[in-house]
Amino acid sequence: MGARGLALMPDPLADAAASERVELLDYHGWFCGNGIDSRDSWVSDDCAHPTSVGHHQLRRLALEAWTGERCD
């Protein structure tokens, strides 16, 4: 996730993930610039759920993090 992304996580959550060797993905950073006010929003109008494009972007984030492969 990188230092910037981990800094956004509450300490207990980041600590628990690290102790269990769980990789946290920085979807906040991934979505940055693609909110409801953007031309091609990845977030629905309720500001809580991804759109279809947002769901695809979450899959891309996970695939790239886990395999190192770029996916469009």
C-alpha atoms as a PDB file:
ATOM      1  CA  MET A   1       0.000   0.000   0.000  1.00  0.00           C
ATOM      2  CA  GLY A   2       2.855   2.347   0.655  1.00  0.00           C
ATOM      3  CA  ALA A   3       3.502   4.730   3.507  1.00  0.00           C
ATOM      4  CA  ARG A   4       0.965   7.333   2.374  1.00  0.00           C
ATOM      5  CA  GLY A   5      -1.866   4.812   2.183  1.00  0.00           C
ATOM      6  CA  LEU A   6      -1.006   3.220   5.509  1.00  0.00           C
ATOM      7  CA  ALA A   7      -0.992   6.653   7.108  1.00  0.00           C
ATOM      8  CA  LEU A   8      -4.692   6.920   6.219  1.00  0.00           C
ATOM      9  CA  MET A   9      -5.503   3.649   8.000  1.00  0.00           C
ATOM     10  CA  PRO A  10      -6.373   3.621  11.690  1.00  0.00           C
ATOM     11  CA  ASP A  11      -3.338   2.284  13.580  1.00  0.00           C
ATOM     12  CA  PRO A  12      -5.099  -0.779  15.031  1.00  0.00           C
ATOM     13  CA  LEU A  13      -6.293  -1.854  11.582  1.00  0.00           C
ATOM     14  CA  ALA A  14      -2.900  -1.352   9.945  1.00  0.00           C
ATOM     15  CA  ASP A  15      -1.182  -3.112  12.863  1.00  0.00           C
ATOM     16  CA  ALA A  16      -3.581  -6.080  12.728  1.00  0.00           C
ATOM     17  CA  ALA A  17      -3.126  -6.429   8.971  1.00  0.00           C
ATOM     18  CA  ALA A  18       0.660  -6.322   9.293  1.00  0.00           C
ATOM     19  CA  SER A  19       0.699  -8.889  12.097  1.00  0.00           C
ATOM     20  CA  GLU A  20      -1.450 -11.267  10.021  1.00  0.00           C
ATOM     21  CA  ARG A  21       0.578 -10.583   6.854  1.00  0.00           C
ATOM     22  CA  VAL A  22      -2.536  -9.228   5.134  1.00  0.00           C
ATOM     23  CA  GLU A  23      -2.034  -6.774   2.305  1.00  0.00           C
ATOM     24  CA  LEU A  24      -4.193  -3.657   2.494  1.00  0.00           C
ATOM     25  CA  LEU A  25      -5.060  -2.027  -0.819  1.00  0.00           C
ATOM     26  CA  ASP A  26      -5.280   1.756  -1.013  1.00  0.00           C
ATOM     27  CA  TYR A  27      -8.529   2.094  -2.924  1.00  0.00           C
ATOM     28  CA  HIS A  28      -8.948   5.635  -1.583  1.00  0.00           C
ATOM     29  CA  GLY A  29      -5.788   6.680  -3.409  1.00  0.00           C
ATOM     30  CA  TRP A  30      -6.805   4.617  -6.454  1.00  0.00           C
ATOM     31  CA  PHE A  31     -10.183   6.406  -6.660  1.00  0.00           C
ATOM     32  CA  CYS A  32      -8.722   9.875  -6.016  1.00  0.00           C
ATOM     33  CA  GLY A  33      -9.841  12.226  -8.787  1.00  0.00           C
ATOM     34  CA  ASN A  34     -12.735   9.993  -9.839  1.00  0.00           C
ATOM     35  CA  GLY A  35     -15.384  10.983  -7.287  1.00  0.00           C
ATOM     36  CA  ILE A  36     -18.963  12.016  -7.925  1.00  0.00           C
ATOM     37  CA  ASP A  37     -17.897  15.400  -9.297  1.00  0.00           C
ATOM     38  CA  SER A  38     -15.661  13.909 -11.972  1.00  0.00           C
ATOM     39  CA  ARG A  39     -16.720  13.416 -15.573  1.00  0.00           C
ATOM     40  CA  ASP A  40     -16.460   9.619 -15.336  1.00  0.00           C
ATOM     41  CA  SER A  41     -17.293   8.996 -11.673  1.00  0.00           C
ATOM     42  CA  TRP A  42     -16.333   5.694 -10.073  1.00  0.00           C
ATOM     43  CA  VAL A  43     -18.630   6.442  -7.102  1.00  0.00           C
ATOM     44  CA  SER A  44     -22.431   6.365  -7.098  1.00  0.00           C
ATOM     45  CA  ASP A  45     -24.548   9.367  -6.169  1.00  0.00           C
ATOM     46  CA  ASP A  46     -24.904   8.058  -2.596  1.00  0.00           C
ATOM     47  CA  CYS A  47     -21.127   8.639  -2.123  1.00  0.00           C
ATOM     48  CA  ALA A  48     -20.797   5.182  -0.544  1.00  0.00           C
ATOM     49  CA  HIS A  49     -20.845   2.622  -3.337  1.00  0.00           C
ATOM     50  CA  PRO A  50     -18.810   2.164  -6.503  1.00  0.00           C
ATOM     51  CA  THR A  51     -20.459   2.406  -9.902  1.00  0.00           C
ATOM     52  CA  SER A  52     -19.967  -0.396 -12.437  1.00  0.00           C
ATOM     53  CA  VAL A  53     -16.795   1.378 -13.553  1.00  0.00           C
ATOM     54  CA  GLY A  54     -15.741   1.689  -9.901  1.00  0.00           C
ATOM     55  CA  HIS A  55     -16.203  -2.053  -9.366  1.00  0.00           C
ATOM     56  CA  HIS A  56     -14.044  -2.713 -12.417  1.00  0.00           C
ATOM     57  CA  GLN A  57     -11.399  -0.363 -11.005  1.00  0.00           C
ATOM     58  CA  LEU A  58     -11.411  -2.286  -7.696  1.00  0.00           C
ATOM     59  CA  ARG A  59     -10.783  -5.501  -9.649  1.00  0.00           C
ATOM     60  CA  ARG A  60      -7.925  -3.806 -11.514  1.00  0.00           C
ATOM     61  CA  LEU A  61      -6.391  -2.596  -8.247  1.00  0.00           C
ATOM     62  CA  ALA A  62      -6.501  -6.091  -6.724  1.00  0.00           C
ATOM     63  CA  LEU A  63      -5.205  -7.833  -9.846  1.00  0.00           C
ATOM     64  CA  GLU A  64      -2.300  -5.431 -10.226  1.00  0.00           C
ATOM     65  CA  ALA A  65      -1.422  -5.634  -6.515  1.00  0.00           C
ATOM     66  CA  TRP A  66      -1.559  -9.431  -6.376  1.00  0.00           C
ATOM     67  CA  THR A  67      -0.047 -10.357  -9.749  1.00  0.00           C
ATOM     68  CA  GLY A  68       1.877  -7.292 -10.898  1.00  0.00           C
ATOM     69  CA  GLU A  69      -0.029  -7.468 -14.211  1.00  0.00           C
ATOM     70  CA  ARG A  70      -1.564  -4.344 -15.712  1.00  0.00           C
ATOM     71  CA  CYS A  71      -5.208  -4.693 -16.638  1.00  0.00           C
ATOM     72  CA  ASP A  72      -7.414  -2.243 -18.535  1.00  0.00           C
END
